[in-house]
Amino acid sequence: MLGDITKAERIYIACGYTDMRKSIDGLAACAQQTFGLDPMSNALFLFCGRRRDRIKALYWEGDGFVLLYKRLSDGRFQWPRSQEEAMQITWQQFRWLMEGLSIEQKKAFTPSSRSIVV
């Protein structure tokens, strides 16, 4: 199916600024050369420009790349700028990002590593 990103096993965001003039080949090279990740793995790669009002998503479907582009009509994405590396995020953090929230929600519940003894 064209652009079915729900099959991605991992999601990576390229922290910092990305030149949004890059197309599929440039973004794939960025994932591979800058971050040392395989762009043909079952992962979704997200890139954001300096203005933070648009993102590009790169996903390998097995027979070719899908490039998704989203531009907000109002507002900005809460994109992490503190690092110059790729950060793996969860699907929940992806939803927060798409809803205009920060991926680091201080009041969100985190999964507990403790087991319940009955």
Protein backbone atom coordinates (compact mmCIF):
# COMPACT_ATOMS: atom_id res chain seq x y z
CA MET A 1 0.00 0.00 0.00
CA LEU A 2 1.35 3.40 -0.92
CA GLY A 3 2.65 5.25 2.10
CA ASP A 4 1.42 2.91 4.85
CA ILE A 5 3.80 4.13 7.55
CA THR A 6 2.03 2.11 10.26
CA LYS A 7 4.18 -0.88 9.27
CA ALA A 8 7.36 0.88 10.37
CA GLU A 9 9.03 -0.85 13.31
CA ARG A 10 10.99 2.23 14.37
CA ILE A 11 10.68 5.99 14.02
CA TYR A 12 13.71 8.27 13.93
CA ILE A 13 13.71 12.04 13.97
CA ALA A 14 16.69 13.99 12.71
CA CYS A 15 17.24 16.48 15.52
CA GLY A 16 18.41 19.90 14.47
CA TYR A 17 17.81 21.52 11.11
CA THR A 18 17.51 19.73 7.77
CA ASP A 19 17.65 21.45 4.40
CA MET A 20 14.09 20.93 3.17
CA ARG A 21 15.18 21.26 -0.46
CA LYS A 22 16.51 17.69 -0.21
CA SER A 23 14.50 15.02 -1.96
CA ILE A 24 14.46 11.25 -1.49
CA ASP A 25 18.11 10.65 -2.39
CA GLY A 26 19.37 13.52 -0.22
CA LEU A 27 17.33 12.47 2.80
CA ALA A 28 18.35 8.81 2.40
CA ALA A 29 21.99 9.90 2.22
CA CYS A 30 21.49 12.03 5.33
CA ALA A 31 20.09 9.05 7.26
CA GLN A 32 22.95 6.84 6.14
CA GLN A 33 25.98 9.14 6.18
CA THR A 34 25.14 11.58 8.96
CA PHE A 35 23.38 9.24 11.38
CA GLY A 36 24.79 5.84 10.36
CA LEU A 37 21.32 4.34 9.87
CA ASP A 38 20.07 2.15 7.04
CA PRO A 39 17.43 4.10 5.09
CA MET A 40 16.16 0.83 3.60
CA SER A 41 15.35 -0.64 7.00
CA ASN A 42 11.77 -0.88 8.19
CA ALA A 43 11.93 2.57 9.78
CA LEU A 44 10.29 5.94 9.31
CA PHE A 45 12.70 8.88 9.15
CA LEU A 46 11.41 12.38 9.97
CA PHE A 47 13.14 15.61 8.99
CA CYS A 48 12.23 19.21 9.83
CA GLY A 49 13.49 22.52 8.46
CA ARG A 50 14.56 25.69 10.21
CA ARG A 51 11.08 27.24 10.10
CA ARG A 52 9.55 24.17 11.82
CA ASP A 53 6.28 24.50 9.90
CA ARG A 54 6.93 21.55 7.59
CA ILE A 55 8.31 18.05 7.86
CA LYS A 56 9.34 15.35 5.43
CA ALA A 57 9.02 11.66 6.20
CA LEU A 58 11.01 9.00 4.37
CA TYR A 59 9.92 5.36 4.38
CA TRP A 60 11.20 2.33 2.43
CA GLU A 61 8.35 0.06 1.31
CA GLY A 62 10.47 -2.80 0.01
CA ASP A 63 10.30 -1.80 -3.65
CA GLY A 64 10.95 1.92 -3.35
CA PHE A 65 10.89 4.96 -1.12
CA VAL A 66 7.83 6.93 -0.12
CA LEU A 67 8.33 10.62 0.63
CA LEU A 68 5.60 12.27 2.69
CA TYR A 69 5.43 16.02 3.19
CA LYS A 70 3.36 17.97 5.69
CA ARG A 71 3.15 21.75 5.88
CA LEU A 72 1.20 23.39 8.67
CA SER A 73 -1.07 26.27 7.73
CA ASP A 74 -0.68 27.75 11.21
CA GLY A 75 1.74 26.95 14.03
CA ARG A 76 5.03 25.11 14.33
CA PHE A 77 6.17 21.63 15.20
CA GLN A 78 7.81 21.21 18.62
CA TRP A 79 10.99 19.82 17.10
CA PRO A 80 13.98 18.92 19.32
CA ARG A 81 16.92 21.14 18.40
CA SER A 82 19.34 20.27 21.19
CA GLN A 83 21.18 17.46 19.40
CA GLU A 84 22.69 16.87 16.00
CA GLU A 85 21.79 13.19 15.87
CA ALA A 86 18.89 10.90 15.11
CA MET A 87 16.61 10.11 18.03
CA GLN A 88 14.38 7.06 18.12
CA ILE A 89 10.84 7.86 19.28
CA THR A 90 7.72 5.83 20.02
CA TRP A 91 4.42 5.89 18.16
CA GLN A 92 2.95 7.85 21.08
CA GLN A 93 5.67 10.48 20.76
CA PHE A 94 5.00 10.58 17.02
CA ARG A 95 1.31 11.29 17.71
CA TRP A 96 2.24 14.05 20.16
CA LEU A 97 4.53 15.59 17.55
CA MET A 98 1.81 15.51 14.88
CA GLU A 99 -0.64 17.10 17.36
CA GLY A 100 1.72 20.02 17.96
CA LEU A 101 3.04 18.83 21.30
CA SER A 102 6.57 18.21 22.48
CA ILE A 103 7.80 14.61 22.32
CA GLU A 104 8.91 14.98 25.95
CA GLN A 105 5.68 15.23 27.93
CA LYS A 106 6.60 15.76 31.57
CA LYS A 107 3.13 14.82 32.85
CA ALA A 108 2.68 11.70 30.71
CA PHE A 109 2.65 8.34 32.41
CA THR A 110 5.70 6.21 31.72
CA PRO A 111 5.61 2.42 31.65
CA SER A 112 6.70 0.84 34.89
CA SER A 113 9.44 -1.76 34.93
CA ARG A 114 8.22 -3.18 38.23
CA SER A 115 6.15 -6.34 38.28
CA ILE A 116 3.04 -6.72 40.41
CA VAL A 117 3.23 -9.38 43.10
CA VAL A 118 -0.12 -10.92 43.96
